[in-house]
């Protein structure tokens, strides 16, 4: 499904949605989890599941700093497929 390019009425995706969050000054390094993430290339889909505040975004931001990665922060409006695809 081809979508039109962004126009004045359809602004481009904000950089805040496409950049990983900055790592906090004090964060817990998780080398075992980072190593497990390094192994996901052979899989079609990998999910990171934990409760709020358990460090999922921090872990993934640390990993994204080590490997070529794309980042897209989902928002409620991304539930609409055309909006989600336009953001990509």
N, C-alpha and C. Protein backbone atom coordinates (compact mmCIF):
# COMPACT_ATOMS: atom_id res chain seq x y z
N UNK A 1 0.84 -1.17 0.00
CA UNK A 1 0.00 0.00 0.00
C UNK A 1 0.89 1.23 0.00
N UNK A 2 0.86 2.01 -1.05
CA UNK A 2 1.67 3.21 -1.16
C UNK A 2 0.95 4.37 -0.50
N UNK A 3 1.69 5.13 0.27
CA UNK A 3 1.13 6.30 0.94
C UNK A 3 1.78 7.55 0.39
N UNK A 4 1.03 8.65 0.30
CA UNK A 4 1.62 9.88 -0.21
C UNK A 4 2.66 10.41 0.75
N UNK A 5 3.60 11.16 0.21
CA UNK A 5 4.63 11.79 1.05
C UNK A 5 3.97 12.81 1.96
N UNK A 6 4.66 13.14 3.04
CA UNK A 6 4.12 14.11 4.00
C UNK A 6 3.96 15.46 3.32
N UNK A 7 2.89 16.14 3.68
CA UNK A 7 2.62 17.48 3.16
C UNK A 7 2.40 18.41 4.34
N UNK A 8 2.07 19.65 4.05
CA UNK A 8 1.81 20.61 5.12
C UNK A 8 0.67 20.13 6.02
N UNK A 9 -0.33 19.46 5.44
CA UNK A 9 -1.44 18.96 6.25
C UNK A 9 -1.10 17.64 6.93
N UNK A 10 -0.04 16.97 6.47
CA UNK A 10 0.42 15.73 7.06
C UNK A 10 1.90 15.89 7.40
N UNK A 11 2.21 16.44 8.57
CA UNK A 11 3.60 16.73 8.90
C UNK A 11 4.45 15.47 8.99
N UNK A 12 5.74 15.66 8.84
CA UNK A 12 6.68 14.55 8.96
C UNK A 12 6.69 14.03 10.39
N UNK A 13 7.17 12.81 10.55
CA UNK A 13 7.25 12.20 11.87
C UNK A 13 8.23 12.98 12.73
N UNK A 14 7.84 13.36 13.94
CA UNK A 14 8.76 14.09 14.82
C UNK A 14 9.98 13.24 15.18
N UNK A 15 11.12 13.87 15.30
CA UNK A 15 12.35 13.16 15.65
C UNK A 15 12.21 12.43 16.98
N UNK A 16 11.38 12.93 17.87
CA UNK A 16 11.22 12.28 19.17
C UNK A 16 10.66 10.86 19.05
N UNK A 17 10.00 10.56 17.93
CA UNK A 17 9.46 9.22 17.72
C UNK A 17 10.48 8.28 17.09
N UNK A 18 11.52 8.86 16.48
CA UNK A 18 12.45 8.02 15.73
C UNK A 18 13.85 7.97 16.34
N UNK A 19 14.02 8.56 17.50
CA UNK A 19 15.31 8.51 18.19
C UNK A 19 15.15 7.75 19.51
N UNK A 20 16.10 6.85 19.81
CA UNK A 20 16.01 6.15 21.10
C UNK A 20 16.14 7.16 22.24
N UNK A 21 15.56 6.87 23.38
CA UNK A 21 15.72 7.77 24.51
C UNK A 21 17.19 7.82 24.95
N UNK A 22 17.60 8.95 25.48
CA UNK A 22 18.97 9.07 25.99
C UNK A 22 19.12 8.16 27.21
N UNK A 23 20.28 7.55 27.33
CA UNK A 23 20.52 6.72 28.50
C UNK A 23 20.68 7.61 29.72
N UNK A 24 20.09 7.24 30.84
CA UNK A 24 20.25 8.04 32.05
C UNK A 24 21.70 8.02 32.52
N UNK A 25 22.08 9.03 33.28
CA UNK A 25 23.45 9.11 33.80
C UNK A 25 23.78 7.88 34.64
N UNK A 26 22.83 7.42 35.41
CA UNK A 26 23.03 6.22 36.23
C UNK A 26 22.02 5.16 35.79
N UNK A 27 22.52 4.10 35.19
CA UNK A 27 21.66 3.02 34.78
C UNK A 27 22.38 1.70 35.01
N UNK A 28 21.62 0.64 35.14
CA UNK A 28 22.19 -0.67 35.42
C UNK A 28 22.54 -1.34 34.10
N UNK A 29 23.84 -1.62 33.91
CA UNK A 29 24.27 -2.33 32.71
C UNK A 29 23.81 -3.78 32.82
N UNK A 30 23.22 -4.30 31.76
CA UNK A 30 22.70 -5.66 31.75
C UNK A 30 23.40 -6.45 30.64
N UNK A 31 24.69 -6.82 30.82
CA UNK A 31 25.43 -7.49 29.74
C UNK A 31 24.79 -8.79 29.27
N UNK A 32 24.19 -9.56 30.17
CA UNK A 32 23.57 -10.83 29.75
C UNK A 32 22.38 -10.57 28.84
N UNK A 33 21.57 -9.56 29.17
CA UNK A 33 20.42 -9.24 28.32
C UNK A 33 20.87 -8.65 26.99
N UNK A 34 21.91 -7.82 27.01
CA UNK A 34 22.43 -7.26 25.76
C UNK A 34 22.96 -8.36 24.86
N UNK A 35 23.61 -9.35 25.44
CA UNK A 35 24.11 -10.49 24.66
C UNK A 35 22.94 -11.25 24.04
N UNK A 36 21.87 -11.43 24.80
CA UNK A 36 20.70 -12.12 24.24
C UNK A 36 20.10 -11.33 23.09
N UNK A 37 20.07 -10.00 23.22
CA UNK A 37 19.56 -9.18 22.12
C UNK A 37 20.46 -9.27 20.90
N UNK A 38 21.77 -9.41 21.12
CA UNK A 38 22.69 -9.55 19.98
C UNK A 38 22.37 -10.78 19.13
N UNK A 39 21.67 -11.75 19.70
CA UNK A 39 21.36 -13.00 19.02
C UNK A 39 20.03 -12.98 18.28
N UNK A 40 19.32 -11.86 18.27
CA UNK A 40 17.97 -11.84 17.69
C UNK A 40 17.96 -11.78 16.17
N UNK A 41 19.09 -11.55 15.55
CA UNK A 41 19.14 -11.43 14.09
C UNK A 41 18.61 -12.65 13.36
N UNK A 42 18.68 -13.81 13.97
CA UNK A 42 18.22 -15.04 13.33
C UNK A 42 16.72 -15.25 13.50
N UNK A 43 16.06 -14.35 14.20
CA UNK A 43 14.62 -14.52 14.45
C UNK A 43 13.81 -13.50 13.65
N UNK A 44 12.59 -13.86 13.32
CA UNK A 44 11.73 -12.94 12.58
C UNK A 44 11.15 -11.86 13.47
N UNK A 45 10.89 -12.19 14.73
CA UNK A 45 10.30 -11.23 15.66
C UNK A 45 10.82 -11.50 17.05
N UNK A 46 11.16 -10.45 17.73
CA UNK A 46 11.57 -10.54 19.13
C UNK A 46 10.78 -9.52 19.92
N UNK A 47 10.26 -9.94 21.06
CA UNK A 47 9.56 -9.01 21.93
C UNK A 47 10.29 -8.91 23.25
N UNK A 48 10.22 -7.75 23.84
CA UNK A 48 10.75 -7.52 25.19
C UNK A 48 9.55 -7.18 26.05
N UNK A 49 9.26 -8.03 27.01
CA UNK A 49 8.04 -7.88 27.81
C UNK A 49 8.41 -7.78 29.28
N UNK A 50 7.91 -6.75 29.92
CA UNK A 50 8.06 -6.56 31.37
C UNK A 50 7.11 -5.45 31.78
N UNK A 51 6.90 -5.31 33.06
CA UNK A 51 6.00 -4.28 33.56
C UNK A 51 6.58 -2.88 33.38
N UNK A 52 5.72 -1.90 33.61
CA UNK A 52 6.15 -0.50 33.52
C UNK A 52 7.27 -0.24 34.52
N UNK A 53 8.30 0.47 34.06
CA UNK A 53 9.39 0.86 34.94
C UNK A 53 10.48 -0.19 35.13
N UNK A 54 10.42 -1.29 34.39
CA UNK A 54 11.42 -2.34 34.53
C UNK A 54 12.65 -2.14 33.63
N UNK A 55 12.67 -1.08 32.81
CA UNK A 55 13.86 -0.75 32.04
C UNK A 55 13.90 -1.27 30.61
N UNK A 56 12.75 -1.56 30.04
CA UNK A 56 12.71 -2.07 28.66
C UNK A 56 13.29 -1.05 27.68
N UNK A 57 12.82 0.19 27.76
CA UNK A 57 13.31 1.22 26.83
C UNK A 57 14.78 1.51 27.04
N UNK A 58 15.23 1.52 28.30
CA UNK A 58 16.64 1.76 28.59
C UNK A 58 17.50 0.63 28.03
N UNK A 59 17.07 -0.61 28.23
CA UNK A 59 17.79 -1.76 27.69
C UNK A 59 17.89 -1.66 26.17
N UNK A 60 16.77 -1.39 25.51
CA UNK A 60 16.78 -1.33 24.05
C UNK A 60 17.57 -0.14 23.54
N UNK A 61 17.56 0.99 24.26
CA UNK A 61 18.37 2.14 23.86
C UNK A 61 19.85 1.81 23.98
N UNK A 62 20.24 1.10 25.04
CA UNK A 62 21.64 0.69 25.19
C UNK A 62 22.04 -0.25 24.07
N UNK A 63 21.15 -1.16 23.71
CA UNK A 63 21.45 -2.09 22.63
C UNK A 63 21.51 -1.37 21.29
N UNK A 64 20.60 -0.43 21.06
CA UNK A 64 20.58 0.33 19.79
C UNK A 64 21.85 1.15 19.63
N UNK A 65 22.50 1.51 20.72
CA UNK A 65 23.76 2.25 20.63
C UNK A 65 24.91 1.35 20.18
N UNK A 66 24.72 0.03 20.27
CA UNK A 66 25.77 -0.93 19.92
C UNK A 66 25.64 -1.51 18.52
N UNK A 67 24.43 -1.49 17.97
CA UNK A 67 24.18 -2.16 16.70
C UNK A 67 23.41 -1.21 15.77
N UNK A 68 23.44 -1.47 14.46
CA UNK A 68 22.58 -0.68 13.57
C UNK A 68 21.12 -0.97 13.93
N UNK A 69 20.37 0.06 14.19
CA UNK A 69 18.99 -0.15 14.64
C UNK A 69 18.10 0.99 14.16
N UNK A 70 16.84 0.68 14.01
CA UNK A 70 15.83 1.70 13.73
C UNK A 70 14.97 1.81 14.98
N UNK A 71 14.49 3.00 15.28
CA UNK A 71 13.68 3.23 16.47
C UNK A 71 12.39 3.92 16.07
N UNK A 72 11.29 3.44 16.59
CA UNK A 72 10.01 4.10 16.36
C UNK A 72 9.18 3.93 17.63
N UNK A 73 8.90 5.02 18.31
CA UNK A 73 8.11 4.99 19.54
C UNK A 73 6.63 5.04 19.18
N UNK A 74 5.91 4.02 19.59
CA UNK A 74 4.48 3.94 19.28
C UNK A 74 3.67 4.86 20.19
N UNK A 75 2.66 5.45 19.62
CA UNK A 75 1.72 6.31 20.33
C UNK A 75 0.31 5.79 20.03
N UNK A 76 -0.69 6.21 20.79
CA UNK A 76 -2.06 5.72 20.54
C UNK A 76 -2.53 5.94 19.10
N UNK A 77 -2.14 7.05 18.48
CA UNK A 77 -2.59 7.32 17.10
C UNK A 77 -2.01 6.32 16.10
N UNK A 78 -0.96 5.59 16.47
CA UNK A 78 -0.37 4.60 15.58
C UNK A 78 -1.24 3.36 15.46
N UNK A 79 -2.34 3.28 16.20
CA UNK A 79 -3.28 2.17 16.05
C UNK A 79 -3.94 2.20 14.67
N UNK A 80 -3.96 3.38 14.05
CA UNK A 80 -4.46 3.50 12.68
C UNK A 80 -3.33 3.09 11.73
N UNK A 81 -3.56 2.05 10.93
CA UNK A 81 -2.51 1.55 10.03
C UNK A 81 -1.95 2.63 9.11
N UNK A 82 -2.78 3.44 8.45
CA UNK A 82 -2.20 4.49 7.59
C UNK A 82 -1.32 5.48 8.37
N UNK A 83 -1.73 5.83 9.58
CA UNK A 83 -0.91 6.73 10.38
C UNK A 83 0.40 6.08 10.74
N UNK A 84 0.35 4.82 11.15
CA UNK A 84 1.57 4.08 11.50
C UNK A 84 2.50 3.99 10.30
N UNK A 85 1.98 3.60 9.15
CA UNK A 85 2.84 3.46 7.96
C UNK A 85 3.40 4.80 7.51
N UNK A 86 2.64 5.88 7.65
CA UNK A 86 3.15 7.20 7.30
C UNK A 86 4.32 7.57 8.20
N UNK A 87 4.26 7.16 9.45
CA UNK A 87 5.34 7.45 10.39
C UNK A 87 6.63 6.72 10.06
N UNK A 88 6.49 5.56 9.44
CA UNK A 88 7.68 4.80 9.07
C UNK A 88 8.37 5.46 7.91
